[in-house]
PDB file of all heavy atoms in Angstrom:
ATOM      1  N   THR A   1     -77.990  62.823 215.450  1.00  0.00           N
ATOM      2  CA  THR A   1     -78.281  61.537 214.890  1.00  0.00           C
ATOM      3  C   THR A   1     -78.070  61.489 213.387  1.00  0.00           C
ATOM      4  O   THR A   1     -78.287  62.432 212.652  1.00  0.00           O
ATOM      5  CB  THR A   1     -79.825  61.297 215.138  1.00  0.00           C
ATOM      6  OG1 THR A   1     -80.079  61.360 216.520  1.00  0.00           O
ATOM      7  CG2 THR A   1     -80.238  59.942 214.641  1.00  0.00           C
ATOM      8  N   LYS A   2     -77.486  60.407 212.935  1.00  0.00           N
ATOM      9  CA  LYS A   2     -77.157  60.217 211.476  1.00  0.00           C
ATOM     10  C   LYS A   2     -78.424  59.757 210.749  1.00  0.00           C
ATOM     11  O   LYS A   2     -79.296  59.213 211.286  1.00  0.00           O
ATOM     12  CB  LYS A   2     -76.085  59.167 211.369  1.00  0.00           C
ATOM     13  CG  LYS A   2     -74.725  59.523 211.845  1.00  0.00           C
ATOM     14  CD  LYS A   2     -73.737  58.499 211.519  1.00  0.00           C
ATOM     15  CE  LYS A   2     -72.271  58.924 211.876  1.00  0.00           C
ATOM     16  NZ  LYS A   2     -71.373  57.886 211.477  1.00  0.00           N
ATOM     17  N   SER A   3     -78.351  60.079 209.426  1.00  0.00           N
ATOM     18  CA  SER A   3     -79.384  59.579 208.545  1.00  0.00           C
ATOM     19  C   SER A   3     -79.339  58.048 208.491  1.00  0.00           C
ATOM     20  O   SER A   3     -78.296  57.488 208.521  1.00  0.00           O
ATOM     21  CB  SER A   3     -79.125  60.165 207.104  1.00  0.00           C
ATOM     22  OG  SER A   3     -79.800  59.466 206.194  1.00  0.00           O
ATOM     23  N   PRO A   4     -80.507  57.452 208.489  1.00  0.00           N
ATOM     24  CA  PRO A   4     -80.485  55.975 208.505  1.00  0.00           C
ATOM     25  C   PRO A   4     -80.019  55.250 207.220  1.00  0.00           C
ATOM     26  O   PRO A   4     -79.933  54.057 207.134  1.00  0.00           O
ATOM     27  CB  PRO A   4     -81.962  55.594 208.832  1.00  0.00           C
ATOM     28  CG  PRO A   4     -82.695  56.736 208.353  1.00  0.00           C
ATOM     29  CD  PRO A   4     -81.873  57.975 208.457  1.00  0.00           C
ATOM     30  N   GLY A   5     -79.849  56.012 206.151  1.00  0.00           N
ATOM     31  CA  GLY A   5     -79.428  55.423 204.851  1.00  0.00           C
ATOM     32  C   GLY A   5     -78.306  54.424 204.931  1.00  0.00           C
ATOM     33  O   GLY A   5     -78.314  53.368 204.401  1.00  0.00           O
ATOM     34  N   PRO A   6     -77.193  54.795 205.540  1.00  0.00           N
ATOM     35  CA  PRO A   6     -76.035  53.811 205.631  1.00  0.00           C
ATOM     36  C   PRO A   6     -76.377  52.627 206.520  1.00  0.00           C
ATOM     37  O   PRO A   6     -75.840  51.523 206.254  1.00  0.00           O
ATOM     38  CB  PRO A   6     -74.976  54.621 206.373  1.00  0.00           C
ATOM     39  CG  PRO A   6     -75.261  56.066 206.098  1.00  0.00           C
ATOM     40  CD  PRO A   6     -76.777  56.140 206.082  1.00  0.00           C
ATOM     41  N   LEU A   7     -77.331  52.726 207.444  1.00  0.00           N
ATOM     42  CA  LEU A   7     -77.742  51.560 208.223  1.00  0.00           C
ATOM     43  C   LEU A   7     -78.376  50.517 207.256  1.00  0.00           C
ATOM     44  O   LEU A   7     -78.229  49.328 207.540  1.00  0.00           O
ATOM     45  CB  LEU A   7     -78.694  52.024 209.344  1.00  0.00           C
ATOM     46  CG  LEU A   7     -79.171  50.848 210.165  1.00  0.00           C
ATOM     47  CD1 LEU A   7     -78.039  50.061 210.862  1.00  0.00           C
ATOM     48  CD2 LEU A   7     -80.141  51.368 211.237  1.00  0.00           C
ATOM     49  N   ALA A   8     -79.149  50.870 206.313  1.00  0.00           N
ATOM     50  CA  ALA A   8     -79.786  50.018 205.414  1.00  0.00           C
ATOM     51  C   ALA A   8     -78.728  49.206 204.717  1.00  0.00           C
ATOM     52  O   ALA A   8     -78.939  47.994 204.476  1.00  0.00           O
ATOM     53  CB  ALA A   8     -80.588  50.786 204.365  1.00  0.00           C
ATOM     54  N   GLY A   9     -77.579  49.831 204.347  1.00  0.00           N
ATOM     55  CA  GLY A   9     -76.463  49.000 203.785  1.00  0.00           C
ATOM     56  C   GLY A   9     -75.824  48.011 204.761  1.00  0.00           C
ATOM     57  O   GLY A   9     -75.581  46.896 204.358  1.00  0.00           O
ATOM     58  N   LYS A  10     -75.756  48.458 205.942  1.00  0.00           N
ATOM     59  CA  LYS A  10     -75.220  47.466 207.010  1.00  0.00           C
ATOM     60  C   LYS A  10     -76.100  46.314 207.187  1.00  0.00           C
ATOM     61  O   LYS A  10     -75.716  45.267 207.497  1.00  0.00           O
ATOM     62  CB  LYS A  10     -75.014  48.282 208.394  1.00  0.00           C
ATOM     63  CG  LYS A  10     -73.846  49.239 208.443  1.00  0.00           C
ATOM     64  CD  LYS A  10     -73.777  49.744 209.884  1.00  0.00           C
ATOM     65  CE  LYS A  10     -72.671  50.700 209.967  1.00  0.00           C
ATOM     66  NZ  LYS A  10     -72.508  51.226 211.343  1.00  0.00           N
ATOM     67  N   LEU A  11     -77.379  46.632 207.110  1.00  0.00           N
ATOM     68  CA  LEU A  11     -78.368  45.570 207.284  1.00  0.00           C
ATOM     69  C   LEU A  11     -78.533  44.698 206.096  1.00  0.00           C
ATOM     70  O   LEU A  11     -79.068  43.602 206.026  1.00  0.00           O
ATOM     71  CB  LEU A  11     -79.782  46.183 207.528  1.00  0.00           C
ATOM     72  CG  LEU A  11     -79.912  46.901 208.913  1.00  0.00           C
ATOM     73  CD1 LEU A  11     -81.226  47.594 208.981  1.00  0.00           C
ATOM     74  CD2 LEU A  11     -79.631  45.987 210.095  1.00  0.00           C
ATOM     75  N   GLY A  12     -77.964  45.172 204.850  1.00  0.00           N
ATOM     76  CA  GLY A  12     -78.022  44.418 203.662  1.00  0.00           C
ATOM     77  C   GLY A  12     -79.459  44.388 203.076  1.00  0.00           C
ATOM     78  O   GLY A  12     -79.870  43.360 202.550  1.00  0.00           O
ATOM     79  N   HIS A  13     -80.176  45.467 203.203  1.00  0.00           N
ATOM     80  CA  HIS A  13     -81.525  45.478 202.820  1.00  0.00           C
ATOM     81  C   HIS A  13     -81.873  46.806 202.195  1.00  0.00           C
ATOM     82  O   HIS A  13     -81.560  47.911 202.691  1.00  0.00           O
ATOM     83  CB  HIS A  13     -82.454  45.299 203.970  1.00  0.00           C
ATOM     84  CG  HIS A  13     -83.891  45.232 203.616  1.00  0.00           C
ATOM     85  ND1 HIS A  13     -84.496  44.097 203.028  1.00  0.00           N
ATOM     86  CD2 HIS A  13     -84.923  46.108 203.691  1.00  0.00           C
ATOM     87  CE1 HIS A  13     -85.799  44.341 202.759  1.00  0.00           C
ATOM     88  NE2 HIS A  13     -86.087  45.532 203.174  1.00  0.00           N
ATOM     89  N   ASP A  14     -82.574  46.806 201.018  1.00  0.00           N
ATOM     90  CA  ASP A  14     -83.017  47.971 200.392  1.00  0.00           C
ATOM     91  C   ASP A  14     -84.369  48.218 200.797  1.00  0.00           C
ATOM     92  O   ASP A  14     -85.277  47.381 200.453  1.00  0.00           O
ATOM     93  CB  ASP A  14     -82.867  47.965 198.805  1.00  0.00           C
ATOM     94  CG  ASP A  14     -81.463  47.943 198.390  1.00  0.00           C
ATOM     95  OD1 ASP A  14     -80.663  48.728 198.911  1.00  0.00           O
ATOM     96  OD2 ASP A  14     -81.141  47.207 197.443  1.00  0.00           O
ATOM     97  N   PHE A  15     -84.736  49.321 201.422  1.00  0.00           N
ATOM     98  CA  PHE A  15     -86.089  49.564 201.914  1.00  0.00           C
ATOM     99  C   PHE A  15     -86.916  50.284 200.846  1.00  0.00           C
ATOM    100  O   PHE A  15     -86.566  51.280 200.259  1.00  0.00           O
ATOM    101  CB  PHE A  15     -86.044  50.505 203.185  1.00  0.00           C
ATOM    102  CG  PHE A  15     -85.532  49.808 204.451  1.00  0.00           C
ATOM    103  CD1 PHE A  15     -84.159  49.658 204.598  1.00  0.00           C
ATOM    104  CD2 PHE A  15     -86.432  49.255 205.310  1.00  0.00           C
ATOM    105  CE1 PHE A  15     -83.702  48.994 205.761  1.00  0.00           C
ATOM    106  CE2 PHE A  15     -85.975  48.540 206.434  1.00  0.00           C
ATOM    107  CZ  PHE A  15     -84.591  48.451 206.653  1.00  0.00           C
ATOM    108  N   ASP A  16     -88.104  49.597 200.487  1.00  0.00           N
ATOM    109  CA  ASP A  16     -88.933  50.178 199.530  1.00  0.00           C
ATOM    110  C   ASP A  16     -89.481  51.569 200.070  1.00  0.00           C
ATOM    111  O   ASP A  16     -89.707  52.463 199.354  1.00  0.00           O
ATOM    112  CB  ASP A  16     -90.108  49.218 199.189  1.00  0.00           C
ATOM    113  CG  ASP A  16     -89.683  48.070 198.372  1.00  0.00           C
ATOM    114  OD1 ASP A  16     -88.700  48.138 197.682  1.00  0.00           O
ATOM    115  OD2 ASP A  16     -90.366  46.977 198.547  1.00  0.00           O
ATOM    116  N   ASP A  17     -89.659  51.635 201.435  1.00  0.00           N
ATOM    117  CA  ASP A  17     -90.170  52.781 201.985  1.00  0.00           C
ATOM    118  C   ASP A  17     -89.160  53.160 203.151  1.00  0.00           C
ATOM    119  O   ASP A  17     -89.387  52.745 204.342  1.00  0.00           O
ATOM    120  CB  ASP A  17     -91.661  52.557 202.638  1.00  0.00           C
ATOM    121  CG  ASP A  17     -92.203  53.846 203.158  1.00  0.00           C
ATOM    122  OD1 ASP A  17     -91.509  54.802 203.295  1.00  0.00           O
ATOM    123  OD2 ASP A  17     -93.352  53.754 203.582  1.00  0.00           O
ATOM    124  N   PRO A  18     -88.180  54.060 202.831  1.00  0.00           N
ATOM    125  CA  PRO A  18     -87.177  54.396 203.840  1.00  0.00           C
ATOM    126  C   PRO A  18     -87.884  55.080 205.091  1.00  0.00           C
ATOM    127  O   PRO A  18     -87.229  55.061 206.146  1.00  0.00           O
ATOM    128  CB  PRO A  18     -86.248  55.402 203.038  1.00  0.00           C
ATOM    129  CG  PRO A  18     -86.470  55.060 201.692  1.00  0.00           C
ATOM    130  CD  PRO A  18     -87.870  54.649 201.496  1.00  0.00           C
ATOM    131  N   ALA A  19     -88.976  55.702 204.929  1.00  0.00           N
ATOM    132  CA  ALA A  19     -89.664  56.293 206.023  1.00  0.00           C
ATOM    133  C   ALA A  19     -90.028  55.223 207.138  1.00  0.00           C
ATOM    134  O   ALA A  19     -89.959  55.597 208.284  1.00  0.00           O
ATOM    135  CB  ALA A  19     -90.919  56.927 205.575  1.00  0.00           C
ATOM    136  N   LEU A  20     -90.165  54.031 206.817  1.00  0.00           N
ATOM    137  CA  LEU A  20     -90.440  52.946 207.778  1.00  0.00           C
ATOM    138  C   LEU A  20     -89.184  52.647 208.631  1.00  0.00           C
ATOM    139  O   LEU A  20     -89.277  52.361 209.822  1.00  0.00           O
ATOM    140  CB  LEU A  20     -90.907  51.597 207.085  1.00  0.00           C
ATOM    141  CG  LEU A  20     -92.356  51.637 206.638  1.00  0.00           C
ATOM    142  CD1 LEU A  20     -92.683  50.275 205.924  1.00  0.00           C
ATOM    143  CD2 LEU A  20     -93.311  51.772 207.810  1.00  0.00           C
ATOM    144  N   LEU A  21     -87.957  52.652 207.955  1.00  0.00           N
ATOM    145  CA  LEU A  21     -86.745  52.561 208.679  1.00  0.00           C
ATOM    146  C   LEU A  21     -86.644  53.740 209.661  1.00  0.00           C
ATOM    147  O   LEU A  21     -86.281  53.482 210.856  1.00  0.00           O
ATOM    148  CB  LEU A  21     -85.550  52.446 207.741  1.00  0.00           C
ATOM    149  CG  LEU A  21     -84.201  52.395 208.407  1.00  0.00           C
ATOM    150  CD1 LEU A  21     -84.083  51.217 209.401  1.00  0.00           C
ATOM    151  CD2 LEU A  21     -83.055  52.359 207.446  1.00  0.00           C
ATOM    152  N   GLN A  22     -86.893  54.993 209.192  1.00  0.00           N
ATOM    153  CA  GLN A  22     -86.760  56.099 210.138  1.00  0.00           C
ATOM    154  C   GLN A  22     -87.774  55.964 211.319  1.00  0.00           C
ATOM    155  O   GLN A  22     -87.432  56.230 212.419  1.00  0.00           O
ATOM    156  CB  GLN A  22     -87.096  57.330 209.320  1.00  0.00           C
ATOM    157  CG  GLN A  22     -86.893  58.633 210.167  1.00  0.00           C
ATOM    158  CD  GLN A  22     -85.504  58.848 210.609  1.00  0.00           C
ATOM    159  OE1 GLN A  22     -84.573  58.833 209.806  1.00  0.00           O
ATOM    160  NE2 GLN A  22     -85.214  58.938 211.834  1.00  0.00           N
ATOM    161  N   GLN A  23     -89.030  55.462 210.994  1.00  0.00           N
ATOM    162  CA  GLN A  23     -89.963  55.287 212.067  1.00  0.00           C
ATOM    163  C   GLN A  23     -89.559  54.165 213.056  1.00  0.00           C
ATOM    164  O   GLN A  23     -89.628  54.341 214.224  1.00  0.00           O
ATOM    165  CB  GLN A  23     -91.336  54.985 211.434  1.00  0.00           C
ATOM    166  CG  GLN A  23     -92.410  54.806 212.514  1.00  0.00           C
ATOM    167  CD  GLN A  23     -93.839  54.483 211.891  1.00  0.00           C
ATOM    168  OE1 GLN A  23     -93.919  54.509 210.657  1.00  0.00           O
ATOM    169  NE2 GLN A  23     -94.738  54.206 212.692  1.00  0.00           N
ATOM    170  N   ALA A  24     -88.932  53.114 212.535  1.00  0.00           N
ATOM    171  CA  ALA A  24     -88.429  52.115 213.311  1.00  0.00           C
ATOM    172  C   ALA A  24     -87.348  52.461 214.309  1.00  0.00           C
ATOM    173  O   ALA A  24     -87.147  51.909 215.403  1.00  0.00           O
ATOM    174  CB  ALA A  24     -87.965  50.936 212.457  1.00  0.00           C
ATOM    175  N   LEU A  25     -86.686  53.539 213.882  1.00  0.00           N
ATOM    176  CA  LEU A  25     -85.550  54.011 214.724  1.00  0.00           C
ATOM    177  C   LEU A  25     -85.959  55.241 215.654  1.00  0.00           C
ATOM    178  O   LEU A  25     -85.122  55.802 216.412  1.00  0.00           O
ATOM    179  CB  LEU A  25     -84.429  54.542 213.802  1.00  0.00           C
ATOM    180  CG  LEU A  25     -83.717  53.381 213.019  1.00  0.00           C
ATOM    181  CD1 LEU A  25     -82.885  53.992 211.906  1.00  0.00           C
ATOM    182  CD2 LEU A  25     -82.942  52.521 213.909  1.00  0.00           C
ATOM    183  N   THR A  26     -87.217  55.536 215.653  1.00  0.00           N
ATOM    184  CA  THR A  26     -87.735  56.637 216.453  1.00  0.00           C
ATOM    185  C   THR A  26     -88.423  56.277 217.694  1.00  0.00           C
ATOM    186  O   THR A  26     -89.423  55.478 217.722  1.00  0.00           O
ATOM    187  CB  THR A  26     -88.688  57.476 215.570  1.00  0.00           C
ATOM    188  OG1 THR A  26     -88.016  57.960 214.424  1.00  0.00           O
ATOM    189  CG2 THR A  26     -89.235  58.691 216.324  1.00  0.00           C
ATOM    190  N   HIS A  27     -87.880  56.578 218.877  1.00  0.00           N
ATOM    191  CA  HIS A  27     -88.444  56.289 220.158  1.00  0.00           C
ATOM    192  C   HIS A  27     -89.663  57.194 220.392  1.00  0.00           C
ATOM    193  O   HIS A  27     -89.771  58.244 219.855  1.00  0.00           O
ATOM    194  CB  HIS A  27     -87.369  56.571 221.260  1.00  0.00           C
ATOM    195  CG  HIS A  27     -87.777  56.142 222.632  1.00  0.00           C
ATOM    196  ND1 HIS A  27     -88.288  56.979 223.504  1.00  0.00           N
ATOM    197  CD2 HIS A  27     -87.639  54.908 223.171  1.00  0.00           C
ATOM    198  CE1 HIS A  27     -88.568  56.338 224.591  1.00  0.00           C
ATOM    199  NE2 HIS A  27     -88.113  55.099 224.516  1.00  0.00           N
ATOM    200  N   ARG A  28     -90.581  56.599 221.194  1.00  0.00           N
ATOM    201  CA  ARG A  28     -91.831  57.404 221.413  1.00  0.00           C
ATOM    202  C   ARG A  28     -91.657  58.694 222.079  1.00  0.00           C
ATOM    203  O   ARG A  28     -92.455  59.600 221.933  1.00  0.00           O
ATOM    204  CB  ARG A  28     -92.805  56.614 222.317  1.00  0.00           C
ATOM    205  CG  ARG A  28     -92.418  56.381 223.731  1.00  0.00           C
ATOM    206  CD  ARG A  28     -93.450  55.581 224.493  1.00  0.00           C
ATOM    207  NE  ARG A  28     -92.941  55.369 225.808  1.00  0.00           N
ATOM    208  CZ  ARG A  28     -93.571  54.704 226.721  1.00  0.00           C
ATOM    209  NH1 ARG A  28     -94.783  54.240 226.449  1.00  0.00           N
ATOM    210  NH2 ARG A  28     -93.056  54.468 227.951  1.00  0.00           N
ATOM    211  N   SER A  29     -90.514  58.954 222.720  1.00  0.00           N
ATOM    212  CA  SER A  29     -90.164  60.237 223.293  1.00  0.00           C
ATOM    213  C   SER A  29     -89.902  61.273 222.271  1.00  0.00           C
ATOM    214  O   SER A  29     -89.917  62.474 222.608  1.00  0.00           O
ATOM    215  CB  SER A  29     -88.907  60.095 224.293  1.00  0.00           C
ATOM    216  OG  SER A  29     -87.807  59.735 223.620  1.00  0.00           O
ATOM    217  N   ALA A  30     -89.642  60.882 221.054  1.00  0.00           N
ATOM    218  CA  ALA A  30     -89.283  61.809 219.966  1.00  0.00           C
ATOM    219  C   ALA A  30     -90.557  62.203 219.120  1.00  0.00           C
ATOM    220  O   ALA A  30     -90.360  63.031 218.278  1.00  0.00           O
ATOM    221  CB  ALA A  30     -88.213  61.229 219.055  1.00  0.00           C
ATOM    222  N   GLY A  31     -91.629  61.670 219.388  1.00  0.00           N
ATOM    223  CA  GLY A  31     -92.831  62.041 218.537  1.00  0.00           C
ATOM    224  C   GLY A  31     -93.826  60.948 218.414  1.00  0.00           C
ATOM    225  O   GLY A  31     -93.665  59.800 218.841  1.00  0.00           O
ATOM    226  N   SER A  32     -94.967  61.375 217.821  1.00  0.00           N
ATOM    227  CA  SER A  32     -96.092  60.463 217.667  1.00  0.00           C
ATOM    228  C   SER A  32     -95.813  59.353 216.518  1.00  0.00           C
ATOM    229  O   SER A  32     -96.442  58.290 216.612  1.00  0.00           O
ATOM    230  CB  SER A  32     -97.380  61.229 217.307  1.00  0.00           C
ATOM    231  OG  SER A  32     -97.209  61.995 216.173  1.00  0.00           O
ATOM    232  N   SER A  33     -94.999  59.689 215.582  1.00  0.00           N
ATOM    233  CA  SER A  33     -94.675  58.639 214.505  1.00  0.00           C
ATOM    234  C   SER A  33     -93.451  57.952 215.034  1.00  0.00           C
ATOM    235  O   SER A  33     -92.361  58.172 214.663  1.00  0.00           O
ATOM    236  CB  SER A  33     -94.394  59.339 213.177  1.00  0.00           C
ATOM    237  OG  SER A  33     -94.047  58.415 212.253  1.00  0.00           O
ATOM    238  N   ASN A  34     -93.653  56.960 215.927  1.00  0.00           N
ATOM    239  CA  ASN A  34     -92.588  56.307 216.566  1.00  0.00           C
ATOM    240  C   ASN A  34     -92.673  54.768 216.243  1.00  0.00           C
ATOM    241  O   ASN A  34     -93.499  54.216 215.559  1.00  0.00           O
ATOM    242  CB  ASN A  34     -92.565  56.499 218.022  1.00  0.00           C
ATOM    243  CG  ASN A  34     -93.867  56.098 218.708  1.00  0.00           C
ATOM    244  OD1 ASN A  34     -94.203  54.900 218.679  1.00  0.00           O
ATOM    245  ND2 ASN A  34     -94.563  56.995 219.362  1.00  0.00           N
ATOM    246  N   ASN A  35     -91.766  54.011 216.919  1.00  0.00           N
ATOM    247  CA  ASN A  35     -91.506  52.581 216.551  1.00  0.00           C
ATOM    248  C   ASN A  35     -92.404  51.653 217.383  1.00  0.00           C
ATOM    249  O   ASN A  35     -92.238  50.435 217.136  1.00  0.00           O
ATOM    250  CB  ASN A  35     -90.070  52.259 216.769  1.00  0.00           C
ATOM    251  CG  ASN A  35     -89.657  52.391 218.263  1.00  0.00           C
ATOM    252  OD1 ASN A  35     -90.414  52.749 219.113  1.00  0.00           O
ATOM    253  ND2 ASN A  35     -88.377  52.121 218.501  1.00  0.00           N
ATOM    254  N   GLU A  36     -93.292  52.089 218.274  1.00  0.00           N
ATOM    255  CA  GLU A  36     -93.979  51.184 219.086  1.00  0.00           C
ATOM    256  C   GLU A  36     -94.820  50.009 218.305  1.00  0.00           C
ATOM    257  O   GLU A  36     -94.658  48.882 218.633  1.00  0.00           O
ATOM    258  CB  GLU A  36     -94.871  51.816 220.107  1.00  0.00           C
ATOM    259  CG  GLU A  36     -94.081  52.416 221.209  1.00  0.00           C
ATOM    260  CD  GLU A  36     -94.812  52.985 222.328  1.00  0.00           C
ATOM    261  OE1 GLU A  36     -96.079  53.300 222.115  1.00  0.00           O
ATOM    262  OE2 GLU A  36     -94.364  53.030 223.411  1.00  0.00           O
ATOM    263  N   ARG A  37     -95.588  50.461 217.372  1.00  0.00           N
ATOM    264  CA  ARG A  37     -96.339  49.442 216.646  1.00  0.00           C
ATOM    265  C   ARG A  37     -95.422  48.541 215.734  1.00  0.00           C
ATOM    266  O   ARG A  37     -95.649  47.301 215.646  1.00  0.00           O
ATOM    267  CB  ARG A  37     -97.365  50.124 215.743  1.00  0.00           C
ATOM    268  CG  ARG A  37     -98.585  50.702 216.661  1.00  0.00           C
ATOM    269  CD  ARG A  37     -99.678  51.375 215.687  1.00  0.00           C
ATOM    270  NE  ARG A  37    -100.140  50.613 214.554  1.00  0.00           N
ATOM    271  CZ  ARG A  37    -101.037  49.637 214.668  1.00  0.00           C
ATOM    272  NH1 ARG A  37    -101.697  49.379 215.719  1.00  0.00           N
ATOM    273  NH2 ARG A  37    -101.376  48.978 213.490  1.00  0.00           N
ATOM    274  N   LEU A  38     -94.416  49.223 215.159  1.00  0.00           N
ATOM    275  CA  LEU A  38     -93.450  48.375 214.378  1.00  0.00           C
ATOM    276  C   LEU A  38     -92.717  47.376 215.282  1.00  0.00           C
ATOM    277  O   LEU A  38     -92.432  46.307 214.838  1.00  0.00           O
ATOM    278  CB  LEU A  38     -92.473  49.253 213.644  1.00  0.00           C
ATOM    279  CG  LEU A  38     -93.057  50.082 212.453  1.00  0.00           C
ATOM    280  CD1 LEU A  38     -92.025  51.098 211.926  1.00  0.00           C
ATOM    281  CD2 LEU A  38     -93.497  49.170 211.384  1.00  0.00           C
ATOM    282  N   GLU A  39     -92.338  47.870 216.515  1.00  0.00           N
ATOM    283  CA  GLU A  39     -91.689  47.020 217.463  1.00  0.00           C
ATOM    284  C   GLU A  39     -92.553  45.745 217.841  1.00  0.00           C
ATOM    285  O   GLU A  39     -92.049  44.603 217.848  1.00  0.00           O
ATOM    286  CB  GLU A  39     -91.415  47.771 218.790  1.00  0.00           C
ATOM    287  CG  GLU A  39     -90.520  46.971 219.720  1.00  0.00           C
ATOM    288  CD  GLU A  39     -90.207  47.731 220.943  1.00  0.00           C
ATOM    289  OE1 GLU A  39     -90.464  48.921 220.980  1.00  0.00           O
ATOM    290  OE2 GLU A  39     -89.538  47.138 221.852  1.00  0.00           O
ATOM    291  N   PHE A  40     -93.873  46.004 217.967  1.00  0.00           N
ATOM    292  CA  PHE A  40     -94.754  44.908 218.293  1.00  0.00           C
ATOM    293  C   PHE A  40     -94.754  43.895 217.130  1.00  0.00           C
ATOM    294  O   PHE A  40     -94.635  42.678 217.248  1.00  0.00           O
ATOM    295  CB  PHE A  40     -96.255  45.486 218.438  1.00  0.00           C
ATOM    296  CG  PHE A  40     -97.304  44.441 218.555  1.00  0.00           C
ATOM    297  CD1 PHE A  40     -97.493  43.738 219.581  1.00  0.00           C
ATOM    298  CD2 PHE A  40     -98.193  44.281 217.404  1.00  0.00           C
ATOM    299  CE1 PHE A  40     -98.452  42.740 219.745  1.00  0.00           C
ATOM    300  CE2 PHE A  40     -99.201  43.353 217.489  1.00  0.00           C
ATOM    301  CZ  PHE A  40     -99.326  42.582 218.663  1.00  0.00           C
TER     302      PHE A  40
END
């Protein structure tokens, strides 16, 4: 899996908290800090 940094550029958004982008890209099968609440 690639670092999400380049994705921020594709999205045209600078994330104040890049960890949120990483969490948004994390499926629940990959760990407890996943995207389910952010998806909601």
